[in-house]
Protein backbone atom coordinates (compact mmCIF):
# COMPACT_ATOMS: atom_id res chain seq x y z
CA MET A 1 -75.11 -44.85 -15.04
CA PHE A 2 -73.19 -46.43 -18.95
CA VAL A 3 -74.13 -49.87 -19.66
CA ASP A 4 -73.74 -51.49 -23.36
CA GLY A 5 -72.61 -48.27 -24.55
CA ALA A 6 -75.90 -45.97 -23.47
CA TRP A 7 -76.43 -43.78 -20.35
CA THR A 8 -79.45 -45.34 -18.53
CA SER A 9 -81.60 -45.30 -15.34
CA SER A 10 -82.01 -47.82 -13.14
CA LEU A 11 -84.69 -50.40 -13.73
CA SER A 12 -85.94 -49.36 -10.48
CA GLY A 13 -86.26 -46.15 -11.44
CA GLU A 14 -85.07 -44.94 -7.97
CA THR A 15 -82.24 -41.99 -7.34
CA PHE A 16 -80.01 -41.13 -4.32
CA THR A 17 -78.95 -37.89 -3.58
CA ALA A 18 -75.14 -36.31 -4.48
CA ASP A 19 -74.21 -33.60 -1.83
CA SER A 20 -71.04 -32.26 -1.40
CA PRO A 21 -68.95 -32.83 2.05
CA ALA A 22 -67.41 -29.00 0.78
CA THR A 23 -69.94 -26.93 0.96
CA GLY A 24 -73.29 -29.06 1.65
CA GLU A 25 -75.34 -28.33 -1.54
CA THR A 26 -76.66 -31.15 -3.45
CA ILE A 27 -75.05 -31.78 -7.02
CA GLY A 28 -76.76 -34.40 -8.77
CA GLU A 29 -79.21 -37.13 -8.27
CA VAL A 30 -77.52 -40.87 -8.85
CA PRO A 31 -79.57 -43.67 -10.11
CA ARG A 32 -79.88 -45.81 -7.36
CA GLY A 33 -78.79 -49.43 -8.97
CA THR A 34 -80.09 -52.52 -8.49
CA ARG A 35 -79.07 -56.56 -9.13
CA ASP A 36 -80.53 -56.86 -11.89
CA ASP A 37 -79.01 -53.50 -13.07
CA ALA A 38 -75.81 -55.35 -12.68
CA ARG A 39 -76.65 -58.52 -14.63
CA LEU A 40 -77.91 -56.03 -17.58
CA ALA A 41 -74.24 -54.62 -17.55
CA ILE A 42 -72.42 -57.97 -16.84
CA GLY A 43 -74.51 -59.27 -19.57
CA ALA A 44 -73.25 -56.43 -21.86
CA ALA A 45 -69.94 -56.97 -20.92
CA ASN A 46 -69.88 -60.43 -21.88
CA ARG A 47 -71.28 -59.76 -25.11
CA ALA A 48 -68.42 -57.52 -25.99
CA ALA A 49 -65.75 -59.42 -25.09
CA GLY A 50 -65.29 -61.74 -27.89
CA ARG A 51 -64.76 -58.31 -30.10
CA TRP A 52 -62.75 -56.60 -27.91
CA ALA A 53 -60.64 -59.65 -26.99
CA ALA A 54 -59.84 -60.08 -30.84
CA ALA A 55 -58.61 -56.45 -31.09
CA THR A 56 -54.92 -55.88 -31.11
CA ALA A 57 -52.70 -54.63 -28.69
CA PHE A 58 -52.52 -51.74 -30.29
CA GLU A 59 -56.33 -51.34 -31.63
CA ARG A 60 -56.61 -51.39 -27.62
CA ALA A 61 -53.81 -49.25 -27.13
CA ALA A 62 -55.15 -46.68 -29.06
CA ALA A 63 -58.37 -46.70 -27.62
CA LEU A 64 -56.79 -45.77 -24.23
CA HIS A 65 -55.22 -43.22 -24.97
CA ARG A 66 -58.30 -41.52 -26.67
CA VAL A 67 -59.59 -41.80 -23.13
CA ALA A 68 -56.70 -40.16 -21.89
CA ASP A 69 -57.32 -37.43 -24.43
CA GLU A 70 -60.52 -36.73 -23.25
CA VAL A 71 -59.52 -36.62 -19.93
CA GLU A 72 -56.59 -33.97 -20.51
CA LYS A 73 -59.56 -31.89 -22.82
CA ARG A 74 -61.50 -31.64 -19.39
CA ARG A 75 -58.82 -31.58 -16.74
CA GLU A 76 -59.89 -28.44 -14.68
CA GLU A 77 -63.59 -29.45 -15.29
CA LEU A 78 -62.63 -33.04 -13.98
CA ALA A 79 -60.57 -31.26 -10.74
CA ARG A 80 -63.47 -29.11 -9.69
CA THR A 81 -65.81 -32.09 -9.72
CA LEU A 82 -63.79 -34.27 -7.96
CA THR A 83 -63.14 -31.02 -5.42
CA LEU A 84 -67.13 -30.76 -5.23
CA ASP A 85 -67.62 -34.43 -4.47
CA GLN A 86 -64.74 -35.82 -2.86
CA GLY A 87 -63.60 -32.89 -0.85
CA LYS A 88 -60.07 -32.71 -1.31
CA PRO A 89 -58.05 -29.21 -2.01
CA ILE A 90 -58.41 -27.84 -5.46
CA THR A 91 -54.49 -28.15 -5.62
CA GLU A 92 -54.55 -32.25 -5.13
CA ALA A 93 -57.81 -32.77 -7.31
CA GLN A 94 -55.43 -31.22 -10.14
CA ASP A 95 -52.93 -33.68 -9.37
CA GLU A 96 -54.74 -36.42 -9.24
CA VAL A 97 -56.28 -35.59 -12.82
CA GLU A 98 -52.74 -34.86 -13.94
CA GLU A 99 -52.05 -38.77 -12.65
CA LEU A 100 -54.98 -40.05 -14.16
CA VAL A 101 -54.43 -39.00 -17.90
CA GLN A 102 -50.54 -41.26 -16.88
CA TYR A 103 -52.64 -44.18 -15.42
CA TRP A 104 -54.65 -44.91 -18.87
CA ARG A 105 -51.10 -43.55 -20.62
CA ASN A 106 -48.98 -46.17 -18.90
CA ALA A 107 -51.78 -49.26 -18.87
CA ALA A 108 -52.01 -48.16 -23.30
CA GLU A 109 -48.34 -48.64 -23.68
CA ASP A 110 -48.03 -51.48 -21.14
CA GLY A 111 -50.40 -53.23 -22.64
CA LYS A 112 -48.32 -53.38 -26.30
CA ARG A 113 -45.43 -55.11 -24.40
CA LEU A 114 -46.99 -58.63 -22.41
CA GLU A 115 -45.06 -61.26 -23.80
CA GLY A 116 -45.25 -65.02 -24.12
CA ARG A 117 -42.79 -67.44 -23.79
CA LEU A 118 -41.27 -70.36 -25.06
CA PRO A 119 -40.30 -72.56 -21.95
CA ASN A 120 -38.26 -75.61 -22.27
CA SER A 121 -39.96 -79.10 -23.37
CA ILE A 122 -38.47 -82.57 -21.93
CA SER A 123 -39.17 -83.82 -25.56
CA ALA A 124 -36.59 -82.81 -28.12
CA GLY A 125 -39.51 -83.03 -31.42
CA LYS A 126 -41.81 -80.31 -29.31
CA ARG A 127 -42.44 -76.59 -28.43
CA VAL A 128 -43.99 -75.46 -25.64
CA LEU A 129 -45.77 -72.28 -26.26
CA LEU A 130 -47.32 -69.82 -23.14
CA PHE A 131 -48.65 -66.82 -24.17
CA ARG A 132 -51.60 -64.54 -22.53
CA ARG A 133 -55.31 -64.35 -23.19
CA PRO A 134 -57.74 -62.21 -21.88
CA ARG A 135 -59.73 -63.68 -18.89
CA GLY A 136 -63.69 -62.11 -19.62
CA VAL A 137 -65.41 -60.16 -17.68
CA ILE A 138 -63.57 -57.74 -14.89
CA GLY A 139 -65.82 -56.46 -11.95
CA VAL A 140 -64.19 -53.56 -10.55
CA ILE A 141 -65.47 -51.82 -7.38
CA THR A 142 -63.61 -48.85 -6.25
CA PRO A 143 -63.29 -46.11 -3.18
CA TRP A 144 -64.50 -42.59 -2.74
CA ASN A 145 -60.70 -41.54 -1.60
CA TRP A 146 -59.13 -41.34 -4.69
CA PRO A 147 -62.16 -41.65 -7.28
CA TYR A 148 -60.36 -41.28 -10.52
CA THR A 149 -57.46 -42.88 -10.18
CA MET A 150 -57.97 -45.75 -8.22
CA PRO A 151 -60.81 -46.92 -10.37
CA ALA A 152 -58.11 -46.28 -13.24
CA GLU A 153 -55.61 -48.25 -11.63
CA LEU A 154 -57.57 -51.20 -11.76
CA ILE A 155 -59.74 -50.35 -15.18
CA ALA A 156 -57.23 -49.51 -17.77
CA PRO A 157 -54.91 -52.52 -16.97
CA ALA A 158 -58.17 -54.67 -17.32
CA LEU A 159 -58.79 -53.06 -20.66
CA ALA A 160 -55.34 -53.11 -22.30
CA CYS A 161 -55.44 -56.66 -21.43
CA GLY A 162 -58.46 -57.39 -23.30
CA ASN A 163 -60.65 -58.26 -20.84
CA THR A 164 -64.56 -56.02 -20.36
CA VAL A 165 -65.42 -54.18 -17.01
CA VAL A 166 -67.87 -54.06 -14.75
CA TRP A 167 -67.67 -50.68 -12.31
CA THR A 168 -69.50 -50.21 -9.28
CA PRO A 169 -67.68 -47.09 -7.97
CA ALA A 170 -68.53 -46.01 -4.12
CA SER A 171 -71.81 -43.84 -3.77
CA THR A 172 -70.32 -40.90 -1.80
CA THR A 173 -68.45 -40.27 -5.06
CA ALA A 174 -70.64 -40.87 -7.80
CA ILE A 175 -70.91 -37.54 -9.34
CA ALA A 176 -67.08 -37.63 -10.21
CA ALA A 177 -67.44 -41.49 -11.44
CA VAL A 178 -69.51 -40.56 -14.17
CA ALA A 179 -67.67 -37.90 -15.29
CA LEU A 180 -64.71 -40.55 -15.56
CA ALA A 181 -67.18 -42.99 -17.79
CA GLU A 182 -68.26 -39.70 -19.72
CA CYS A 183 -64.32 -39.34 -21.01
CA VAL A 184 -64.78 -43.11 -21.79
CA ALA A 185 -67.88 -42.95 -23.46
CA GLU A 186 -65.95 -39.90 -25.93
CA ALA A 187 -63.81 -41.93 -26.75
CA ASP A 188 -65.79 -44.28 -28.86
CA LEU A 189 -64.59 -47.65 -27.01
CA PRO A 190 -67.39 -50.32 -28.41
CA ALA A 191 -70.12 -51.00 -26.81
CA GLY A 192 -70.29 -52.90 -23.37
CA VAL A 193 -66.29 -52.59 -23.24
CA LEU A 194 -66.76 -50.41 -19.97
CA ASN A 195 -69.94 -50.22 -17.73
CA LEU A 196 -70.97 -47.85 -15.17
CA VAL A 197 -73.80 -49.04 -12.90
CA THR A 198 -74.01 -46.81 -9.38
CA GLY A 199 -75.66 -47.94 -6.05
CA PRO A 200 -74.73 -49.92 -2.89
CA GLY A 201 -72.07 -51.82 -2.54
CA ALA A 202 -74.03 -54.19 -0.39
CA VAL A 203 -76.50 -54.61 -3.68
CA VAL A 204 -74.25 -53.70 -6.62
CA GLY A 205 -70.48 -54.49 -5.73
CA ASP A 206 -71.99 -58.08 -4.52
CA GLU A 207 -73.90 -59.23 -7.60
CA ILE A 208 -70.56 -57.93 -9.68
CA ALA A 209 -68.65 -60.06 -7.36
CA ARG A 210 -70.82 -62.77 -7.03
CA ASN A 211 -71.80 -63.30 -10.22
CA PRO A 212 -70.67 -65.84 -12.71
CA GLY A 213 -70.59 -63.79 -15.16
CA THR A 214 -67.37 -61.78 -13.94
CA HIS A 215 -64.48 -63.65 -14.08
CA GLY A 216 -62.33 -61.62 -12.05
CA VAL A 217 -62.57 -58.97 -9.60
CA GLY A 218 -60.48 -55.92 -8.58
CA PHE A 219 -61.71 -54.13 -5.59
CA ILE A 220 -60.06 -51.14 -3.74
CA GLY A 221 -61.47 -50.20 0.18
CA SER A 222 -61.61 -51.68 3.59
CA THR A 223 -60.38 -54.91 4.71
CA GLU A 224 -63.76 -55.69 6.22
CA THR A 225 -65.46 -54.85 3.18
CA GLY A 226 -62.28 -56.66 1.11
CA ARG A 227 -63.45 -59.96 3.24
CA LYS A 228 -66.96 -59.79 1.75
CA VAL A 229 -65.89 -59.50 -1.78
CA ALA A 230 -63.63 -62.16 -1.57
CA GLU A 231 -66.38 -64.00 0.24
CA ALA A 232 -68.89 -63.28 -2.64
CA ALA A 233 -66.37 -63.74 -5.44
CA VAL A 234 -64.42 -66.97 -4.33
CA GLY A 235 -63.12 -69.06 -6.74
CA LYS A 236 -62.25 -65.83 -9.33
CA ALA A 237 -58.79 -64.39 -9.37
CA ALA A 238 -59.25 -61.43 -7.17
CA VAL A 239 -57.08 -58.01 -6.47
CA LEU A 240 -58.05 -56.59 -3.15
CA GLU A 241 -55.86 -53.70 -2.02
CA LEU A 242 -57.39 -52.79 1.52
CA GLY A 243 -56.80 -50.69 4.09
CA GLY A 244 -54.68 -50.89 7.11
CA ASN A 245 -52.71 -49.06 9.98
CA GLY A 246 -49.29 -48.46 8.24
CA PRO A 247 -46.89 -46.80 11.11
CA VAL A 248 -44.13 -44.18 10.66
CA VAL A 249 -41.19 -45.30 12.89
CA VAL A 250 -38.67 -42.57 14.27
CA LEU A 251 -35.98 -43.69 15.73
CA ASP A 252 -33.25 -42.35 18.02
CA ASP A 253 -30.70 -41.84 14.81
CA ALA A 254 -33.18 -39.92 12.97
CA ASP A 255 -33.16 -37.19 10.58
CA VAL A 256 -35.83 -35.60 12.90
CA ASP A 257 -36.51 -32.49 10.71
CA ARG A 258 -36.80 -34.95 7.47
CA ALA A 259 -39.01 -37.21 9.37
CA ALA A 260 -41.25 -34.34 10.56
CA GLU A 261 -42.02 -33.25 7.08
CA ALA A 262 -42.40 -36.65 5.58
CA THR A 263 -45.21 -36.86 8.39
CA VAL A 264 -46.97 -33.58 7.23
CA ILE A 265 -47.45 -35.75 3.66
CA ALA A 266 -48.57 -38.92 5.62
CA CYS A 267 -50.96 -37.77 7.87
CA PHE A 268 -52.55 -34.56 6.34
CA LEU A 269 -52.56 -35.43 2.31
CA CYS A 270 -56.25 -35.98 1.29
CA ALA A 271 -57.29 -35.26 4.77
CA GLY A 272 -55.48 -38.35 5.91
CA GLN A 273 -57.86 -40.37 4.20
CA SER A 274 -55.42 -42.30 2.18
CA CYS A 275 -54.58 -46.47 2.66
CA THR A 276 -51.08 -45.49 2.33
CA ALA A 277 -51.28 -42.67 5.22
CA GLY A 278 -49.07 -42.47 8.05
CA GLU A 279 -51.68 -43.97 10.47
CA ARG A 280 -50.07 -44.28 13.27
CA LEU A 281 -46.47 -42.50 14.51
CA LEU A 282 -44.34 -44.61 16.94
CA VAL A 283 -41.59 -42.21 17.89
CA HIS A 284 -38.69 -43.33 19.86
CA ARG A 285 -38.36 -41.60 23.56
CA ASP A 286 -35.25 -39.74 23.06
CA VAL A 287 -36.34 -38.13 20.32
CA GLN A 288 -40.09 -37.74 20.89
CA GLU A 289 -40.63 -34.20 22.15
CA GLU A 290 -38.15 -32.36 19.41
CA PHE A 291 -40.45 -34.23 16.74
CA VAL A 292 -43.51 -33.34 18.32
CA ALA A 293 -42.67 -29.87 18.55
CA LYS A 294 -41.20 -29.90 14.72
CA LEU A 295 -44.55 -31.40 13.84
CA ALA A 296 -46.85 -29.10 15.79
CA ARG A 297 -44.70 -26.00 14.02
CA LEU A 298 -45.39 -27.84 10.70
CA VAL A 299 -49.15 -28.02 11.12
CA VAL A 300 -49.36 -24.48 11.63
CA GLU A 301 -47.47 -23.32 8.75
CA ARG A 302 -48.65 -25.64 6.05
CA VAL A 303 -51.86 -27.32 6.60
CA VAL A 304 -54.66 -24.98 6.04
CA LEU A 305 -58.19 -25.59 6.94
CA GLY A 306 -60.37 -24.24 4.70
CA ASP A 307 -62.35 -23.98 1.30
CA PRO A 308 -61.52 -26.35 -1.09
CA PHE A 309 -61.66 -24.28 -3.93
CA ALA A 310 -59.13 -21.78 -2.56
CA GLU A 311 -55.61 -22.09 -4.07
CA ALA A 312 -54.12 -21.63 -0.17
CA THR A 313 -56.12 -24.57 1.22
CA THR A 314 -54.41 -28.17 1.67
CA LEU A 315 -57.02 -29.09 3.71
CA GLY A 316 -60.47 -29.86 3.14
CA PRO A 317 -63.73 -31.47 4.26
CA LEU A 318 -64.03 -35.54 5.36
CA ASN A 319 -65.72 -36.97 2.39
CA ASN A 320 -68.65 -38.52 4.90
CA ALA A 321 -70.54 -38.36 7.95
CA GLY A 322 -69.25 -42.21 8.89
CA VAL A 323 -65.48 -41.34 8.72
CA ALA A 324 -66.07 -37.96 10.56
CA GLU A 325 -67.56 -39.80 13.31
CA LYS A 326 -64.60 -42.57 13.44
CA MET A 327 -62.69 -39.64 13.92
CA ASP A 328 -64.61 -38.74 16.82
CA GLU A 329 -64.38 -41.72 18.25
CA HIS A 330 -61.09 -42.67 18.36
CA VAL A 331 -59.75 -38.95 18.90
CA ALA A 332 -62.09 -39.21 21.99
CA ASP A 333 -61.00 -42.77 22.81
CA ALA A 334 -56.82 -41.88 23.08
CA LEU A 335 -57.79 -38.41 25.26
CA GLU A 336 -59.64 -40.51 27.63
CA ARG A 337 -56.76 -43.38 27.44
CA GLY A 338 -54.50 -40.87 28.74
CA ALA A 339 -52.95 -39.07 25.57
CA GLU A 340 -52.03 -35.68 25.32
CA LEU A 341 -53.90 -32.92 22.59
CA VAL A 342 -51.12 -31.38 21.27
CA SER A 343 -53.41 -29.19 18.49
CA GLY A 344 -56.81 -29.42 17.13
CA GLY A 345 -59.25 -32.14 18.21
CA ALA A 346 -62.28 -31.54 16.97
CA ARG A 347 -64.98 -30.78 14.26
CA ALA A 348 -63.78 -27.23 12.86
CA GLU A 349 -66.68 -24.55 13.47
CA GLY A 350 -67.89 -21.85 10.75
CA PHE A 351 -67.90 -24.22 7.54
CA PRO A 352 -70.80 -25.18 4.84
CA THR A 353 -71.05 -28.48 6.83
CA LYS A 354 -70.03 -30.99 9.95
CA LEU A 355 -67.24 -32.51 7.83
CA TYR A 356 -64.37 -30.02 8.32
CA TRP A 357 -61.85 -31.77 11.26
CA GLN A 358 -59.28 -29.92 12.85
CA PRO A 359 -55.54 -31.23 11.88
CA THR A 360 -54.46 -32.87 15.19
CA ILE A 361 -51.50 -34.06 17.16
CA LEU A 362 -51.81 -36.56 19.76
CA ASP A 363 -48.69 -37.30 21.94
CA GLY A 364 -48.23 -39.67 24.42
CA VAL A 365 -50.81 -41.92 22.42
CA PRO A 366 -51.39 -45.79 24.24
CA ALA A 367 -50.64 -48.92 21.98
CA ASP A 368 -54.05 -49.54 22.85
CA SER A 369 -56.18 -47.21 21.98
CA LEU A 370 -57.98 -47.12 18.86
CA VAL A 371 -56.21 -45.01 17.37
CA ALA A 372 -53.18 -46.49 17.21
CA ARG A 373 -54.92 -50.43 16.56
CA GLU A 374 -57.20 -49.25 13.60
CA GLU A 375 -57.24 -47.01 10.32
CA THR A 376 -58.54 -43.86 11.74
CA PHE A 377 -58.75 -42.47 7.96
CA GLY A 378 -58.92 -38.64 9.15
CA PRO A 379 -56.59 -35.69 9.66
CA VAL A 380 -54.84 -37.22 12.86
CA ALA A 381 -51.08 -37.68 13.59
CA PRO A 382 -51.23 -40.19 16.91
CA VAL A 383 -47.92 -40.36 18.22
CA VAL A 384 -46.68 -43.46 20.17
CA ALA A 385 -43.31 -43.93 22.29
CA ILE A 386 -41.20 -46.79 21.88
CA ASP A 387 -37.91 -47.67 23.12
CA SER A 388 -36.55 -48.94 20.32
CA LEU A 389 -36.80 -51.34 17.16
CA GLU A 390 -37.75 -53.93 18.33
CA GLN A 391 -40.52 -52.49 20.17
CA ALA A 392 -41.84 -51.07 17.20
CA ILE A 393 -42.01 -54.08 15.41
CA GLU A 394 -43.16 -56.20 18.67
CA LEU A 395 -46.37 -53.89 17.94
CA ASP A 396 -47.70 -55.10 14.18
CA PRO A 397 -49.71 -55.98 13.59
CA PRO A 398 -52.06 -53.76 15.84
CA SER A 399 -55.53 -55.16 14.23
CA SER A 400 -57.64 -58.06 16.19
CA LEU A 401 -58.12 -59.20 12.80
CA PRO A 402 -57.32 -62.73 12.48
CA ARG A 403 -53.43 -63.09 10.95
CA ALA A 404 -55.05 -64.77 7.58
CA TRP A 405 -56.34 -61.85 6.45
């Protein structure tokens, strides 16, 4: 872990094993952080907050550019670490690293341009000045599907605005998180400005969200966990980017070729493990047969399940057993309810781990099936027939969660 400018073990002395979803091999031992570890990091961030806030926006921007420089120097190493730890194909990993550079550089430049205002005053003899101040210490809790860019999406703007950060990543991509923290460490930011605490989200993440020493919380992950984070962080500023079940809607006047092309990316990028994935395909009956046929052909031509380190591979393994089990459950449920299996439908054989799932197309999926109501987060394209745009709208939201969420 990286706390107060130094690499450190957990106070408990405990670790957990990091295993690659791609190869099955153990790739590291990671400190199992505790609440006390999180409290130490929060204390370090608070001690650093005044100095970091006092720095000019241009000084902070220069520091963030140094982080981006370190990422660029280590781009190939970072990409390989990402593929080994997360499982995504090396070409996708390389794209994520390139995007990571831009996240840090964009935040650096945006931070220079945070403007105040001079609102009108009711009194002719007074001026009203509105200016921005850092909020303080920001707790950041991030997922495993994009373990570089999702943290940067929250951390880089927070730092650019003069806040300090305590960050806990998803345990299943903690090795990638350490690699990113190494880039920050090499960029020579003041001690305590960024702190990384690895460990169980229910322990470390809860402490970061709940502790009065954090003054804002950023979270990216599932809606269920986001609800818990919001409850723990009540009273604090919070940014929550949660999961969903967003549809691709294909109406009878659609360009079916373009719709099928877009769907391949929507359903199979990052093995479908994305909050912006096409979780449901609501397809008008008049074009349903044509759409499914073209989608099936494109999946055969373009979706290559294989060794994620091979350049030809476009679909790697799922990241962890939990998401693979959800795929098992959702696909089986859809078939039991009468969906037609067009392709895939099971875990793939002959790979180093059981996390490789065949790219799957389901046609005629009932609207009440799990794959149509919940976020599957896997390489599946479930086609639900509709008769009109109005029907597509009526199917939203399919979730059983309260509307307030």
